[in-house]
Amino acid sequence: MTVGLRLDEAAWGLLHQAIELYQDNPRAVGQLRHQVARLEQPLRIAVAGPWRSGKSTVLNALMGEEVAPVEGADGVFTWYEDGAQPRATAYPAGQPPQELAVVKSATGMRVDLGWGAGEVRDIVVRWPTRALRQVTLIDTPAVTGGAEQGRVPVMERVLRDADAVLYLTRDGRDSDLRVLESGRESAVGQAAPVNVIMVLSRADETGGGRIDGLLTARQLARRHYRDPRVSAVCVNVVACSGAVGLAGRVLSESDFAALAVLARVPRADLEAHLLSADRFLRGELPVRLDPEVRAALLDRFGLFGIRLATTLVRTGFDSRVKLSAELIRRSGLTELRESMTRCFIDRRDTLKARSALAAVEALLRAEPVRGADELVGAVEQILAGAHEFRELRLLVALRNSRLGFDAELATEAQRLIGGDGVGLAARLGVEHEATVQRLWEVAADAQWRWRDRAEDPLLPLAQRRGAQVVVRSCEGMLAELAAGGR
């Protein structure tokens, strides 16, 4: 929380100042009014990454249904929004919107574009699911690795149209970092790199397909986050197998029954049939399993998923519900969703305000007019005082044990900066019905204790700076209480 004017209020005011400044430019005013409207809309989260990084699979896993991709829609931005009924609309360039046929399936739906996708920039899919109540998910074209003069066209549009980004990569290589660094060219990008989570998205392929590959991928994610070059462009790094997570979320009783049959085969005997897809599909298994059932399992789980699922069934996950929950947990999907909630959804007002600041800055620099310098200065002033961005980066640093706080202090700091919820009671760890006096006492006590840490010269600099952020959060809570908030 910002002491004084909240970040979203400051962004709203800046947008209206810019609208007045560009009142003689209808196109610019239209862009700015669009940004004002976005402040009231659901948070936009883009799923981006290079070719074959698993974007659509992760998106399906997040929604828990097989809805993406739209077939034949290469090069198109596909927007997934909440809606009362399944519906898909294409927006061809220079033509009126066209409704697309939606074909339902047992685990979701399929949308077929039906004509050359080169004419279409956007498709909006409306789908009734809880996963889309608070967010709009955007499936994006592949991001090319080679940026020319620091410009990546797909990523430019992603950063312009989305409030937050899940950037999917196999291994977080240099080409991926160059793509993300291209988003730091602006003042907003440099001051607030808090809108990207890097996802090692094909975690099941780490370690050559071994059963412990997902654990290896999580270790790799933690190592990546400790790299200063990585932490400078994203707020967290998470390993997630979208394929395993999706398989867990849509696991049916028939899938479980087939896996249970395979699990009865001794592991050493079954492994010989899981060396390749061809062996699994055409080999003579020690148990009876129809070819079409094998093909369906392979399509849903992959060889790694079948190995993992049968191992889990043998070790006690002996029902569909148990196996589904464990596959989701092992996949990293639970960690990814939690990171999205804490870093993106709980901070949606902060991220939408960031988008507004970025849009105003881009317009001022691209089309300078008289008075633009003053507004550029206003953008920089807002960024300098935006405590919300510091809270978000500290939250992730605490979760990755980067500061060296002991467990009790880290837990308290995380709570005070909004890691357990951004309301006053949640931050202060008191009952929701607590009186204003009780809230004040707890906030004041926390402020003094953390100020002592912030001013302790014997503590490492990183811990003192972290404590300063906590103190500022406590000051914000006291200011809110003094103004009559709860």
Protein backbone atom coordinates (compact mmCIF):
# COMPACT_ATOMS: atom_id res chain seq x y z
CA MET A 1 0.00 0.00 0.00
CA THR A 2 1.23 3.52 -0.82
CA VAL A 3 1.39 6.02 2.00
CA GLY A 4 -0.83 8.84 0.73
CA LEU A 5 -2.35 8.40 -2.72
CA ARG A 6 -2.82 4.77 -3.76
CA LEU A 7 -1.05 3.62 -6.91
CA ASP A 8 -4.27 2.85 -8.79
CA GLU A 9 -5.65 6.29 -7.86
CA ALA A 10 -2.42 7.96 -9.02
CA ALA A 11 -2.58 6.06 -12.32
CA TRP A 12 -6.23 7.05 -12.83
CA GLY A 13 -5.35 10.70 -12.25
CA LEU A 14 -2.38 10.53 -14.62
CA LEU A 15 -4.53 9.03 -17.38
CA HIS A 16 -6.99 11.91 -17.12
CA GLN A 17 -4.18 14.44 -17.16
CA ALA A 18 -2.92 12.79 -20.35
CA ILE A 19 -6.43 12.83 -21.87
CA GLU A 20 -6.58 16.59 -21.28
CA LEU A 21 -3.07 17.04 -22.72
CA TYR A 22 -3.98 15.13 -25.94
CA GLN A 23 -7.54 16.45 -26.27
CA ASP A 24 -6.84 17.56 -29.85
CA ASN A 25 -5.69 14.03 -30.84
CA PRO A 26 -8.77 11.75 -31.04
CA ARG A 27 -6.71 8.61 -31.65
CA ALA A 28 -4.52 9.21 -28.58
CA VAL A 29 -7.56 10.08 -26.46
CA GLY A 30 -9.17 6.81 -27.57
CA GLN A 31 -6.11 4.85 -26.47
CA LEU A 32 -6.07 6.58 -23.10
CA ARG A 33 -9.78 6.06 -22.48
CA HIS A 34 -9.22 2.39 -23.30
CA GLN A 35 -6.62 2.31 -20.53
CA VAL A 36 -9.09 3.94 -18.11
CA ALA A 37 -11.63 1.22 -18.92
CA ARG A 38 -8.99 -1.49 -18.36
CA LEU A 39 -8.62 -0.39 -14.74
CA GLU A 40 -12.13 -1.79 -14.10
CA GLN A 41 -11.74 -4.95 -16.20
CA PRO A 42 -10.40 -8.38 -15.12
CA LEU A 43 -6.65 -8.74 -14.91
CA ARG A 44 -5.11 -9.78 -18.24
CA ILE A 45 -2.50 -12.54 -18.01
CA ALA A 46 -0.68 -13.53 -21.20
CA VAL A 47 0.86 -16.97 -21.64
CA ALA A 48 3.90 -16.36 -23.84
CA GLY A 49 7.04 -18.17 -24.91
CA PRO A 50 8.95 -19.62 -27.86
CA TRP A 51 7.75 -22.33 -30.21
CA ARG A 52 6.83 -25.65 -28.50
CA SER A 53 7.21 -24.24 -25.00
CA GLY A 54 3.84 -25.74 -24.00
CA LYS A 55 1.75 -22.56 -23.83
CA SER A 56 -1.59 -24.11 -24.72
CA THR A 57 -1.04 -27.10 -22.43
CA VAL A 58 -0.27 -24.87 -19.44
CA LEU A 59 -3.25 -22.68 -20.26
CA ASN A 60 -5.52 -25.74 -20.38
CA ALA A 61 -4.06 -26.97 -17.09
CA LEU A 62 -4.81 -23.62 -15.45
CA MET A 63 -8.41 -23.73 -16.65
CA GLY A 64 -8.78 -27.43 -15.85
CA GLU A 65 -10.40 -28.13 -19.22
CA GLU A 66 -9.19 -28.72 -22.75
CA VAL A 67 -10.24 -25.47 -24.34
CA ALA A 68 -7.05 -24.21 -26.02
CA PRO A 69 -5.73 -24.14 -28.65
CA VAL A 70 -7.99 -22.86 -31.38
CA GLU A 71 -7.15 -25.09 -34.36
CA GLY A 72 -5.64 -23.28 -37.32
CA ALA A 73 -5.02 -20.08 -35.35
CA ASP A 74 -1.24 -19.79 -35.65
CA GLY A 75 -0.13 -16.18 -35.29
CA VAL A 76 -3.37 -15.16 -33.56
CA PHE A 77 -3.86 -13.81 -30.04
CA THR A 78 -6.60 -15.93 -28.45
CA TRP A 79 -8.36 -14.38 -25.44
CA TYR A 80 -10.11 -16.64 -22.93
CA GLU A 81 -12.80 -14.84 -20.92
CA ASP A 82 -15.52 -15.88 -18.52
CA GLY A 83 -18.93 -16.27 -20.12
CA ALA A 84 -22.33 -17.76 -19.42
CA GLN A 85 -22.17 -20.01 -22.51
CA PRO A 86 -19.31 -21.38 -24.63
CA ARG A 87 -18.77 -18.98 -27.51
CA ALA A 88 -15.95 -17.97 -29.86
CA THR A 89 -15.66 -14.83 -31.98
CA ALA A 90 -12.98 -14.03 -34.54
CA TYR A 91 -11.94 -10.48 -35.38
CA PRO A 92 -10.60 -10.38 -38.97
CA ALA A 93 -8.64 -7.31 -40.03
CA GLY A 94 -10.93 -4.80 -41.73
CA GLN A 95 -13.99 -7.04 -41.47
CA PRO A 96 -16.86 -7.41 -38.99
CA PRO A 97 -16.52 -10.00 -36.18
CA GLN A 98 -17.43 -13.57 -37.11
CA GLU A 99 -18.87 -16.21 -34.81
CA LEU A 100 -17.01 -19.54 -34.86
CA ALA A 101 -18.38 -23.03 -34.41
CA VAL A 102 -17.77 -24.48 -30.94
CA VAL A 103 -17.63 -28.27 -30.65
CA LYS A 104 -18.00 -29.62 -27.10
CA SER A 105 -16.05 -32.65 -25.91
CA ALA A 106 -16.00 -34.70 -22.71
CA THR A 107 -13.15 -32.65 -21.28
CA GLY A 108 -13.72 -29.22 -22.84
CA MET A 109 -14.31 -27.91 -26.34
CA ARG A 110 -12.68 -27.40 -29.72
CA VAL A 111 -12.84 -24.28 -31.89
CA ASP A 112 -12.01 -24.55 -35.59
CA LEU A 113 -11.12 -21.30 -37.30
CA GLY A 114 -12.39 -22.51 -40.64
CA TRP A 115 -10.45 -20.12 -42.89
CA GLY A 116 -6.98 -18.64 -43.37
CA ALA A 117 -5.82 -17.34 -39.99
CA GLY A 118 -3.54 -14.78 -41.58
CA GLU A 119 -6.49 -12.39 -41.79
CA VAL A 120 -7.26 -12.62 -38.07
CA ARG A 121 -5.45 -10.84 -35.24
CA ASP A 122 -7.64 -11.84 -32.32
CA ILE A 123 -10.10 -14.54 -31.29
CA VAL A 124 -12.16 -14.18 -28.12
CA VAL A 125 -13.30 -17.43 -26.51
CA ARG A 126 -15.88 -17.18 -23.73
CA TRP A 127 -16.04 -20.19 -21.46
CA PRO A 128 -17.90 -20.69 -18.14
CA THR A 129 -15.25 -21.64 -15.58
CA ARG A 130 -14.17 -20.41 -12.14
CA ALA A 131 -10.61 -20.03 -13.41
CA LEU A 132 -11.69 -17.04 -15.55
CA ARG A 133 -13.81 -15.19 -12.97
CA GLN A 134 -11.00 -12.78 -12.03
CA VAL A 135 -8.68 -12.97 -15.01
CA THR A 136 -8.57 -13.05 -18.79
CA LEU A 137 -5.98 -15.49 -20.13
CA ILE A 138 -4.30 -14.78 -23.47
CA ASP A 139 -2.73 -17.50 -25.60
CA THR A 140 -0.10 -15.80 -27.76
CA PRO A 141 1.85 -16.64 -30.92
CA ALA A 142 5.36 -18.02 -30.51
CA VAL A 143 7.97 -15.49 -29.44
CA THR A 144 10.99 -15.63 -31.73
CA GLY A 145 14.33 -15.80 -29.96
CA GLY A 146 16.30 -13.44 -32.17
CA ALA A 147 15.37 -9.87 -31.30
CA GLU A 148 16.41 -7.28 -33.87
CA GLN A 149 17.73 -4.10 -32.26
CA GLY A 150 16.14 -5.13 -28.97
CA ARG A 151 12.64 -5.36 -30.49
CA VAL A 152 10.49 -8.50 -30.29
CA PRO A 153 7.18 -7.76 -32.10
CA VAL A 154 5.06 -10.44 -30.39
CA MET A 155 6.46 -9.57 -26.98
CA GLU A 156 5.89 -5.86 -27.64
CA ARG A 157 2.19 -6.53 -28.09
CA VAL A 158 2.11 -8.91 -25.11
CA LEU A 159 3.55 -6.23 -22.83
CA ARG A 160 1.20 -3.61 -24.26
CA ASP A 161 -2.04 -5.62 -24.06
CA ALA A 162 -1.46 -7.75 -20.95
CA ASP A 163 -1.06 -6.70 -17.32
CA ALA A 164 1.02 -9.74 -16.40
CA VAL A 165 2.92 -12.47 -18.23
CA LEU A 166 3.63 -16.13 -17.71
CA TYR A 167 6.77 -16.54 -19.82
CA LEU A 168 7.23 -20.20 -20.66
CA THR A 169 10.64 -21.62 -21.48
CA ARG A 170 12.29 -25.01 -21.48
CA ASP A 171 15.42 -23.89 -19.65
CA GLY A 172 15.59 -20.09 -19.31
CA ARG A 173 18.39 -19.75 -21.83
CA ASP A 174 20.05 -16.48 -22.89
CA SER A 175 17.65 -15.95 -25.80
CA ASP A 176 14.71 -16.00 -23.38
CA LEU A 177 16.43 -13.49 -21.09
CA ARG A 178 17.10 -11.18 -24.04
CA VAL A 179 13.39 -11.28 -24.90
CA LEU A 180 12.43 -10.35 -21.33
CA GLU A 181 15.14 -7.69 -21.09
CA SER A 182 13.58 -5.99 -24.12
CA GLY A 183 10.67 -5.09 -21.85
CA ARG A 184 12.91 -3.06 -19.54
CA GLU A 185 13.69 -0.26 -21.96
CA SER A 186 11.10 2.10 -20.47
CA ALA A 187 11.14 3.84 -17.10
CA VAL A 188 8.21 1.67 -15.98
CA GLY A 189 9.99 -1.49 -17.12
CA GLN A 190 13.16 -0.58 -15.21
CA ALA A 191 11.43 0.54 -12.03
CA ALA A 192 8.80 -2.19 -11.79
CA PRO A 193 9.85 -5.56 -13.31
CA VAL A 194 7.10 -7.25 -11.28
CA ASN A 195 4.71 -8.44 -13.98
CA VAL A 196 6.48 -11.58 -15.25
CA ILE A 197 6.69 -15.10 -13.83
CA MET A 198 9.13 -17.34 -15.67
CA VAL A 199 7.83 -20.90 -16.01
CA LEU A 200 10.10 -23.86 -16.78
CA SER A 201 7.16 -25.35 -18.59
CA ARG A 202 8.28 -28.78 -19.73
CA ALA A 203 9.56 -29.87 -16.36
CA ASP A 204 8.76 -33.54 -17.06
CA GLU A 205 11.52 -33.55 -19.71
CA THR A 206 14.21 -32.45 -17.23
CA GLY A 207 16.65 -35.20 -16.32
CA GLY A 208 16.01 -37.33 -19.38
CA GLY A 209 12.49 -38.36 -18.36
CA ARG A 210 13.49 -39.90 -15.04
CA ILE A 211 10.81 -40.16 -12.38
CA ASP A 212 12.60 -37.52 -10.28
CA GLY A 213 12.70 -35.09 -13.21
CA LEU A 214 10.10 -32.79 -11.67
CA LEU A 215 12.17 -32.44 -8.50
CA THR A 216 15.24 -31.66 -10.60
CA ALA A 217 13.24 -29.01 -12.47
CA ARG A 218 12.18 -27.35 -9.19
CA GLN A 219 15.81 -27.21 -8.08
CA LEU A 220 16.71 -25.66 -11.44
CA ALA A 221 13.96 -23.04 -10.99
CA ARG A 222 15.34 -22.03 -7.58
CA ARG A 223 18.83 -21.78 -9.04
CA HIS A 224 17.53 -19.61 -11.88
CA TYR A 225 15.82 -17.23 -9.47
CA ARG A 226 19.07 -16.70 -7.57
CA ASP A 227 20.67 -15.50 -10.83
CA PRO A 228 20.64 -11.66 -10.71
CA ARG A 229 20.03 -11.45 -14.44
CA VAL A 230 16.88 -13.56 -14.08
CA SER A 231 15.52 -11.87 -10.95
CA ALA A 232 15.97 -8.51 -12.68
CA VAL A 233 13.33 -9.37 -15.29
CA CYS A 234 10.80 -11.53 -13.44
CA VAL A 235 9.19 -11.72 -10.05
CA ASN A 236 9.44 -15.49 -9.67
CA VAL A 237 10.59 -18.69 -11.41
CA VAL A 238 8.39 -21.80 -11.20
CA ALA A 239 8.85 -25.27 -12.68
CA CYS A 240 5.64 -26.81 -14.02
CA SER A 241 4.77 -29.71 -16.28
CA GLY A 242 1.63 -28.55 -18.00
CA ALA A 243 1.07 -32.03 -19.45
CA VAL A 244 1.14 -33.77 -16.05
CA GLY A 245 -0.93 -31.01 -14.42
CA LEU A 246 -3.59 -31.16 -17.13
CA ALA A 247 -3.67 -34.96 -16.97
CA GLY A 248 -4.30 -34.70 -13.24
CA ARG A 249 -7.06 -32.14 -13.62
CA VAL A 250 -9.02 -34.05 -16.27
CA LEU A 251 -8.27 -37.57 -14.98
CA SER A 252 -11.30 -39.80 -15.54
CA GLU A 253 -12.31 -43.04 -13.89
CA SER A 254 -11.55 -44.92 -17.11
CA ASP A 255 -8.06 -43.35 -17.23
CA PHE A 256 -7.47 -44.37 -13.63
CA ALA A 257 -8.71 -47.92 -14.27
CA ALA A 258 -6.27 -48.31 -17.19
CA LEU A 259 -3.37 -46.94 -15.13
CA ALA A 260 -4.27 -49.28 -12.26
CA VAL A 261 -4.07 -52.22 -14.68
CA LEU A 262 -0.60 -51.10 -15.78
CA ALA A 263 0.47 -50.58 -12.17
CA ARG A 264 -0.07 -54.29 -11.52
CA VAL A 265 2.85 -55.00 -13.84
CA PRO A 266 6.19 -55.10 -11.96
CA ARG A 267 8.03 -51.83 -12.52
CA ALA A 268 11.05 -53.42 -14.22
CA ASP A 269 8.80 -55.27 -16.67
CA LEU A 270 6.70 -52.19 -17.45
CA GLU A 271 9.73 -49.93 -17.98
CA ALA A 272 10.80 -52.03 -20.94
CA HIS A 273 7.54 -51.09 -22.67
CA LEU A 274 7.92 -47.37 -21.82
CA LEU A 275 11.20 -46.82 -23.63
CA SER A 276 9.37 -45.44 -26.66
CA ALA A 277 5.88 -44.60 -27.79
CA ASP A 278 6.03 -47.32 -30.45
CA ARG A 279 6.87 -50.02 -27.90
CA PHE A 280 4.03 -48.95 -25.64
CA LEU A 281 1.48 -48.82 -28.45
CA ARG A 282 2.46 -51.99 -30.31
CA GLY A 283 4.33 -54.17 -27.82
CA GLU A 284 2.90 -57.23 -26.08
CA LEU A 285 2.08 -55.99 -22.58
CA PRO A 286 1.89 -58.51 -19.69
CA VAL A 287 -1.70 -57.28 -19.10
CA ARG A 288 -4.60 -56.80 -21.47
CA LEU A 289 -5.02 -53.19 -22.55
CA ASP A 290 -6.75 -52.35 -25.81
CA PRO A 291 -4.73 -50.37 -28.40
CA GLU A 292 -7.16 -47.46 -28.36
CA VAL A 293 -6.86 -47.24 -24.56
CA ARG A 294 -3.06 -47.22 -24.81
CA ALA A 295 -3.21 -44.49 -27.45
CA ALA A 296 -5.50 -42.38 -25.28
CA LEU A 297 -3.20 -42.75 -22.26
CA LEU A 298 -0.16 -41.86 -24.32
CA ASP A 299 -1.89 -38.80 -25.77
CA ARG A 300 -3.05 -37.63 -22.35
CA PHE A 301 -0.04 -38.48 -20.17
CA GLY A 302 2.99 -39.05 -22.38
CA LEU A 303 5.54 -41.71 -21.44
CA PHE A 304 6.76 -39.73 -18.43
CA GLY A 305 3.23 -39.25 -17.13
CA ILE A 306 2.44 -42.95 -17.46
CA ARG A 307 5.63 -43.83 -15.55
CA LEU A 308 4.81 -41.34 -12.82
CA ALA A 309 1.13 -42.26 -12.54
CA THR A 310 1.73 -46.01 -12.34
CA THR A 311 4.45 -45.47 -9.73
CA LEU A 312 2.06 -43.36 -7.65
CA VAL A 313 -0.70 -45.97 -7.88
CA ARG A 314 1.74 -48.61 -6.60
CA THR A 315 2.72 -46.38 -3.65
CA GLY A 316 -0.77 -45.81 -2.30
CA PHE A 317 -2.53 -43.28 -4.53
CA ASP A 318 -5.11 -45.93 -5.29
CA SER A 319 -8.17 -43.92 -6.28
CA ARG A 320 -8.94 -41.41 -8.99
CA VAL A 321 -9.25 -38.57 -6.46
CA LYS A 322 -5.96 -39.38 -4.72
CA LEU A 323 -4.04 -39.84 -7.96
CA SER A 324 -5.48 -36.66 -9.49
CA ALA A 325 -4.46 -34.54 -6.49
CA GLU A 326 -0.94 -35.99 -6.39
CA LEU A 327 -0.37 -35.54 -10.12
CA ILE A 328 -1.41 -31.90 -9.84
CA ARG A 329 0.89 -31.37 -6.85
CA ARG A 330 3.86 -33.14 -8.44
CA SER A 331 3.41 -31.27 -11.72
CA GLY A 332 4.13 -27.90 -10.08
CA LEU A 333 0.71 -26.60 -11.15
CA THR A 334 -0.30 -25.93 -7.53
CA GLU A 335 2.85 -23.83 -7.00
CA LEU A 336 2.27 -21.98 -10.27
CA ARG A 337 -1.35 -21.16 -9.39
CA GLU A 338 -0.32 -20.01 -5.92
CA SER A 339 2.39 -17.79 -7.40
CA MET A 340 -0.12 -16.33 -9.85
CA THR A 341 -2.55 -15.65 -7.02
CA ARG A 342 -0.04 -13.97 -4.72
CA CYS A 343 2.00 -12.11 -7.37
CA PHE A 344 -0.73 -11.30 -9.89
CA ILE A 345 -4.35 -11.75 -8.80
CA ASP A 346 -3.99 -10.41 -5.24
CA ARG A 347 -2.05 -7.45 -6.71
CA ARG A 348 -4.31 -6.90 -9.71
CA ASP A 349 -4.89 -3.21 -8.95
CA THR A 350 -1.13 -2.67 -8.76
CA LEU A 351 -0.49 -4.46 -12.05
CA LYS A 352 -3.32 -2.70 -13.89
CA ALA A 353 -1.97 0.62 -12.62
CA ARG A 354 1.46 -0.40 -13.91
CA SER A 355 -0.07 -1.04 -17.36
CA ALA A 356 -1.66 2.43 -17.30
CA LEU A 357 1.65 4.08 -16.39
CA ALA A 358 3.43 2.18 -19.16
CA ALA A 359 0.80 3.23 -21.71
CA VAL A 360 1.04 6.90 -20.75
CA GLU A 361 4.84 6.81 -20.84
CA ALA A 362 4.85 5.14 -24.27
CA LEU A 363 2.47 7.75 -25.70
CA LEU A 364 4.39 10.68 -24.23
CA ARG A 365 7.68 9.44 -25.69
CA ALA A 366 6.25 8.42 -29.09
CA GLU A 367 4.15 11.55 -29.64
CA PRO A 368 5.60 14.36 -27.51
CA VAL A 369 3.51 17.50 -27.25
CA ARG A 370 3.80 20.67 -25.24
CA GLY A 371 3.56 19.71 -21.59
CA ALA A 372 4.67 16.10 -22.15
CA ASP A 373 7.89 16.57 -20.16
CA GLU A 374 5.91 17.46 -17.06
CA LEU A 375 3.82 14.31 -17.37
CA VAL A 376 6.93 12.17 -17.92
CA GLY A 377 8.19 13.62 -14.66
CA ALA A 378 4.88 12.72 -13.02
CA VAL A 379 5.25 9.11 -14.20
CA GLU A 380 8.75 8.94 -12.73
CA GLN A 381 7.55 10.49 -9.46
CA ILE A 382 4.76 7.92 -9.14
CA LEU A 383 7.22 5.11 -9.81
CA ALA A 384 9.64 6.41 -7.21
CA GLY A 385 6.94 6.39 -4.53
CA ALA A 386 5.18 3.16 -5.52
CA HIS A 387 5.61 1.03 -2.43
CA GLU A 388 3.33 -1.66 -3.92
CA PHE A 389 6.12 -2.70 -6.31
CA ARG A 390 8.63 -3.04 -3.47
CA GLU A 391 6.20 -5.20 -1.50
CA LEU A 392 5.75 -7.57 -4.39
CA ARG A 393 9.47 -8.09 -4.97
CA LEU A 394 10.11 -8.56 -1.24
CA LEU A 395 7.32 -11.13 -1.04
CA VAL A 396 9.01 -13.35 -3.59
CA ALA A 397 12.48 -12.80 -2.08
CA LEU A 398 11.13 -13.99 1.29
CA ARG A 399 9.57 -17.09 -0.25
CA ASN A 400 12.85 -17.97 -1.90
CA SER A 401 14.84 -17.46 1.36
CA ARG A 402 17.06 -14.89 -0.31
CA LEU A 403 17.36 -12.48 2.63
CA GLY A 404 18.45 -14.84 5.39
CA PHE A 405 15.60 -14.03 7.81
CA ASP A 406 14.84 -16.88 10.19
CA ALA A 407 11.57 -18.74 9.55
CA GLU A 408 9.52 -16.81 12.14
CA LEU A 409 10.64 -13.38 10.93
CA ALA A 410 10.16 -14.32 7.28
CA THR A 411 6.61 -15.51 8.02
CA GLU A 412 5.75 -12.28 9.84
CA ALA A 413 7.28 -10.09 7.13
CA GLN A 414 5.41 -12.01 4.45
CA ARG A 415 2.13 -11.49 6.28
CA LEU A 416 2.70 -7.77 6.92
CA ILE A 417 3.40 -7.02 3.26
CA GLY A 418 0.26 -8.83 2.13
CA GLY A 419 1.45 -12.36 1.41
CA ASP A 420 -1.51 -13.88 3.25
CA GLY A 421 -4.02 -11.35 1.95
CA VAL A 422 -3.98 -7.61 1.40
CA GLY A 423 -6.70 -6.62 3.90
CA LEU A 424 -5.66 -5.04 7.21
CA ALA A 425 -6.77 -7.98 9.36
CA ALA A 426 -4.95 -10.48 7.14
CA ARG A 427 -1.76 -8.39 7.14
CA LEU A 428 -1.82 -7.99 10.92
CA GLY A 429 -2.81 -11.58 11.65
CA VAL A 430 -5.86 -10.72 13.75
CA GLU A 431 -9.49 -11.78 13.56
CA HIS A 432 -11.56 -10.15 10.84
CA GLU A 433 -13.88 -8.51 13.40
CA ALA A 434 -11.01 -6.85 15.32
CA THR A 435 -11.66 -3.29 16.49
CA VAL A 436 -9.81 -0.32 15.05
CA GLN A 437 -8.01 0.05 18.39
CA ARG A 438 -6.78 -3.55 18.21
CA LEU A 439 -5.62 -3.11 14.61
CA TRP A 440 -3.81 0.10 15.55
CA GLU A 441 -2.01 -1.51 18.48
CA VAL A 442 -0.79 -4.48 16.44
CA ALA A 443 0.30 -2.30 13.51
CA ALA A 444 2.15 0.16 15.76
CA ASP A 445 3.93 -2.65 17.60
CA ALA A 446 5.00 -4.23 14.31
CA GLN A 447 6.21 -0.87 13.00
CA TRP A 448 8.50 -0.27 15.97
CA ARG A 449 9.91 -3.80 16.00
CA TRP A 450 10.70 -3.75 12.29
CA ARG A 451 12.10 -0.22 12.48
CA ASP A 452 14.61 -1.51 15.02
CA ARG A 453 15.70 -4.13 12.48
CA ALA A 454 15.83 -1.60 9.66
CA GLU A 455 18.21 0.58 11.70
CA ASP A 456 20.39 -2.22 13.13
CA PRO A 457 23.89 -1.71 11.66
CA LEU A 458 24.90 -5.29 12.54
CA LEU A 459 22.38 -6.81 10.13
CA PRO A 460 23.24 -7.45 6.48
CA LEU A 461 22.21 -4.66 4.10
CA ALA A 462 19.66 -6.88 2.32
CA GLN A 463 17.87 -7.59 5.59
CA ARG A 464 17.83 -3.91 6.57
CA ARG A 465 16.35 -2.97 3.20
CA GLY A 466 13.75 -5.71 3.52
CA ALA A 467 12.86 -4.44 6.98
CA GLN A 468 12.46 -0.92 5.58
CA VAL A 469 9.83 -2.21 3.17
CA VAL A 470 7.96 -3.85 6.07
CA VAL A 471 8.13 -0.60 8.08
CA ARG A 472 6.68 1.31 5.14
CA SER A 473 3.84 -1.22 4.91
CA CYS A 474 3.11 -0.74 8.62
CA GLU A 475 3.11 3.02 8.14
CA GLY A 476 0.62 2.60 5.32
CA MET A 477 -1.67 0.54 7.53
CA LEU A 478 -1.52 3.14 10.30
CA ALA A 479 -2.28 5.89 7.78
CA GLU A 480 -5.26 3.91 6.49
CA LEU A 481 -6.57 3.39 10.03
CA ALA A 482 -6.12 7.08 10.82
CA ALA A 483 -8.17 7.88 7.73
CA GLY A 484 -10.98 5.64 8.96
CA GLY A 485 -10.14 2.41 7.06
CA ARG A 486 -10.40 -1.18 8.31
